[in-house]
């Protein structure tokens, strides 16, 4: 399964969710995209969109 971890900076208990996703990375493909970065360029947004479209599950933290 393709899981996308979308870091938004809006989830107060992000460390717990990140730890759970790290455990899942042994059996699933976990991709991390940090959209909370202030220096996001057009190419970064394009890559984020591609990751979203290719994900089976999206976890926003």
N, C-alpha and C. Protein backbone atom coordinates (compact mmCIF):
# COMPACT_ATOMS: atom_id res chain seq x y z
N UNK A 1 0.85 -1.16 0.00
CA UNK A 1 0.00 0.00 0.00
C UNK A 1 0.90 1.24 0.00
N UNK A 2 0.54 2.24 -0.77
CA UNK A 2 1.25 3.52 -0.80
C UNK A 2 0.59 4.48 0.18
N UNK A 3 1.32 4.85 1.21
CA UNK A 3 0.81 5.77 2.23
C UNK A 3 1.58 7.07 2.12
N UNK A 4 0.86 8.18 2.11
CA UNK A 4 1.48 9.50 2.07
C UNK A 4 1.31 10.16 3.43
N UNK A 5 2.42 10.53 4.03
CA UNK A 5 2.41 11.32 5.26
C UNK A 5 2.54 12.77 4.84
N UNK A 6 1.49 13.53 4.99
CA UNK A 6 1.45 14.92 4.57
C UNK A 6 1.63 15.80 5.80
N UNK A 7 2.82 16.35 5.96
CA UNK A 7 3.11 17.18 7.12
C UNK A 7 2.58 18.59 6.89
N UNK A 8 1.57 18.96 7.70
CA UNK A 8 0.95 20.27 7.56
C UNK A 8 1.28 21.19 8.72
N UNK A 9 1.75 20.63 9.83
CA UNK A 9 2.02 21.42 11.02
C UNK A 9 0.77 21.73 11.82
N UNK A 10 -0.35 21.09 11.48
CA UNK A 10 -1.62 21.38 12.15
C UNK A 10 -2.03 20.33 13.18
N UNK A 11 -1.34 19.20 13.24
CA UNK A 11 -1.74 18.11 14.13
C UNK A 11 -0.90 18.17 15.39
N UNK A 12 -1.51 18.29 16.57
CA UNK A 12 -0.74 18.48 17.80
C UNK A 12 0.05 17.25 18.26
N UNK A 13 -0.33 16.04 17.87
CA UNK A 13 0.37 14.84 18.34
C UNK A 13 1.06 14.15 17.16
N UNK A 14 1.77 14.93 16.37
CA UNK A 14 2.39 14.41 15.15
C UNK A 14 3.42 13.32 15.45
N UNK A 15 4.15 13.42 16.54
CA UNK A 15 5.20 12.44 16.83
C UNK A 15 4.63 11.04 16.99
N UNK A 16 3.48 10.90 17.59
CA UNK A 16 2.88 9.58 17.78
C UNK A 16 2.49 8.97 16.43
N UNK A 17 1.90 9.77 15.57
CA UNK A 17 1.49 9.29 14.25
C UNK A 17 2.72 8.96 13.41
N UNK A 18 3.75 9.80 13.48
CA UNK A 18 4.99 9.54 12.73
C UNK A 18 5.62 8.23 13.18
N UNK A 19 5.61 7.95 14.48
CA UNK A 19 6.18 6.70 14.99
C UNK A 19 5.40 5.50 14.45
N UNK A 20 4.09 5.60 14.40
CA UNK A 20 3.27 4.51 13.88
C UNK A 20 3.55 4.30 12.39
N UNK A 21 3.70 5.38 11.65
CA UNK A 21 3.98 5.26 10.22
C UNK A 21 5.37 4.68 9.97
N UNK A 22 6.34 5.02 10.82
CA UNK A 22 7.67 4.41 10.68
C UNK A 22 7.61 2.90 10.86
N UNK A 23 6.78 2.43 11.77
CA UNK A 23 6.63 0.99 11.97
C UNK A 23 5.99 0.34 10.75
N UNK A 24 5.14 1.05 10.06
CA UNK A 24 4.46 0.50 8.89
C UNK A 24 5.36 0.49 7.66
N UNK A 25 6.46 1.23 7.69
CA UNK A 25 7.30 1.34 6.51
C UNK A 25 7.98 0.02 6.15
N UNK A 26 7.96 -0.94 7.04
CA UNK A 26 8.53 -2.24 6.71
C UNK A 26 7.67 -3.04 5.75
N UNK A 27 6.36 -2.82 5.79
CA UNK A 27 5.45 -3.58 4.94
C UNK A 27 4.73 -2.72 3.91
N UNK A 28 4.78 -1.41 4.08
CA UNK A 28 4.12 -0.49 3.17
C UNK A 28 5.10 0.59 2.73
N UNK A 29 4.83 1.19 1.59
CA UNK A 29 5.65 2.30 1.13
C UNK A 29 5.09 3.59 1.73
N UNK A 30 5.90 4.25 2.56
CA UNK A 30 5.48 5.48 3.21
C UNK A 30 6.31 6.63 2.62
N UNK A 31 5.61 7.60 2.02
CA UNK A 31 6.25 8.77 1.47
C UNK A 31 5.90 9.97 2.35
N UNK A 32 6.88 10.82 2.60
CA UNK A 32 6.66 11.99 3.45
C UNK A 32 6.80 13.25 2.61
N UNK A 33 5.79 14.12 2.69
CA UNK A 33 5.83 15.41 2.02
C UNK A 33 5.54 16.47 3.07
N UNK A 34 6.43 17.44 3.19
CA UNK A 34 6.28 18.51 4.17
C UNK A 34 5.80 19.77 3.46
N UNK A 35 4.49 20.02 3.54
CA UNK A 35 3.94 21.21 2.89
C UNK A 35 3.93 22.41 3.83
N UNK A 36 4.44 22.25 5.03
CA UNK A 36 4.52 23.36 5.99
C UNK A 36 5.75 24.22 5.75
N UNK A 37 6.63 23.77 4.85
CA UNK A 37 7.84 24.54 4.55
C UNK A 37 7.47 25.87 3.92
N UNK A 38 8.13 26.91 4.30
CA UNK A 38 7.86 28.24 3.76
C UNK A 38 8.57 28.47 2.43
N UNK A 39 9.51 27.60 2.08
CA UNK A 39 10.28 27.80 0.85
C UNK A 39 9.82 26.89 -0.29
N UNK A 40 8.57 26.44 -0.24
CA UNK A 40 8.05 25.56 -1.29
C UNK A 40 8.04 26.31 -2.63
N UNK A 41 8.57 25.66 -3.65
CA UNK A 41 8.59 26.20 -5.00
C UNK A 41 7.56 25.45 -5.84
N UNK A 42 7.33 25.90 -7.06
CA UNK A 42 6.35 25.26 -7.94
C UNK A 42 6.65 23.77 -8.14
N UNK A 43 7.92 23.43 -8.31
CA UNK A 43 8.30 22.02 -8.48
C UNK A 43 7.96 21.19 -7.24
N UNK A 44 8.13 21.79 -6.06
CA UNK A 44 7.78 21.09 -4.81
C UNK A 44 6.28 20.82 -4.74
N UNK A 45 5.48 21.81 -5.13
CA UNK A 45 4.02 21.64 -5.13
C UNK A 45 3.60 20.59 -6.16
N UNK A 46 4.27 20.59 -7.31
CA UNK A 46 3.97 19.58 -8.33
C UNK A 46 4.27 18.18 -7.81
N UNK A 47 5.41 18.03 -7.11
CA UNK A 47 5.78 16.73 -6.54
C UNK A 47 4.78 16.32 -5.46
N UNK A 48 4.33 17.29 -4.65
CA UNK A 48 3.33 16.99 -3.62
C UNK A 48 2.03 16.51 -4.25
N UNK A 49 1.62 17.16 -5.31
CA UNK A 49 0.40 16.75 -6.01
C UNK A 49 0.53 15.35 -6.59
N UNK A 50 1.65 15.03 -7.18
CA UNK A 50 1.89 13.69 -7.72
C UNK A 50 1.85 12.64 -6.61
N UNK A 51 2.43 12.97 -5.45
CA UNK A 51 2.41 12.05 -4.32
C UNK A 51 0.98 11.83 -3.83
N UNK A 52 0.19 12.88 -3.80
CA UNK A 52 -1.21 12.77 -3.38
C UNK A 52 -1.99 11.88 -4.35
N UNK A 53 -1.80 12.12 -5.63
CA UNK A 53 -2.53 11.34 -6.63
C UNK A 53 -2.10 9.87 -6.65
N UNK A 54 -0.86 9.58 -6.26
CA UNK A 54 -0.37 8.21 -6.27
C UNK A 54 -0.56 7.46 -4.98
N UNK A 55 -1.12 8.10 -3.97
CA UNK A 55 -1.26 7.48 -2.65
C UNK A 55 -2.56 6.69 -2.55
N UNK A 56 -2.47 5.56 -1.85
CA UNK A 56 -3.67 4.79 -1.50
C UNK A 56 -4.33 5.37 -0.25
N UNK A 57 -3.50 5.86 0.66
CA UNK A 57 -3.98 6.47 1.91
C UNK A 57 -3.15 7.73 2.16
N UNK A 58 -3.80 8.77 2.67
CA UNK A 58 -3.12 10.01 3.02
C UNK A 58 -3.35 10.27 4.49
N UNK A 59 -2.26 10.50 5.22
CA UNK A 59 -2.33 10.83 6.64
C UNK A 59 -1.80 12.24 6.78
N UNK A 60 -2.68 13.16 7.17
CA UNK A 60 -2.27 14.56 7.35
C UNK A 60 -1.97 14.80 8.81
N UNK A 61 -0.77 15.30 9.05
CA UNK A 61 -0.39 15.60 10.44
C UNK A 61 0.17 17.00 10.53
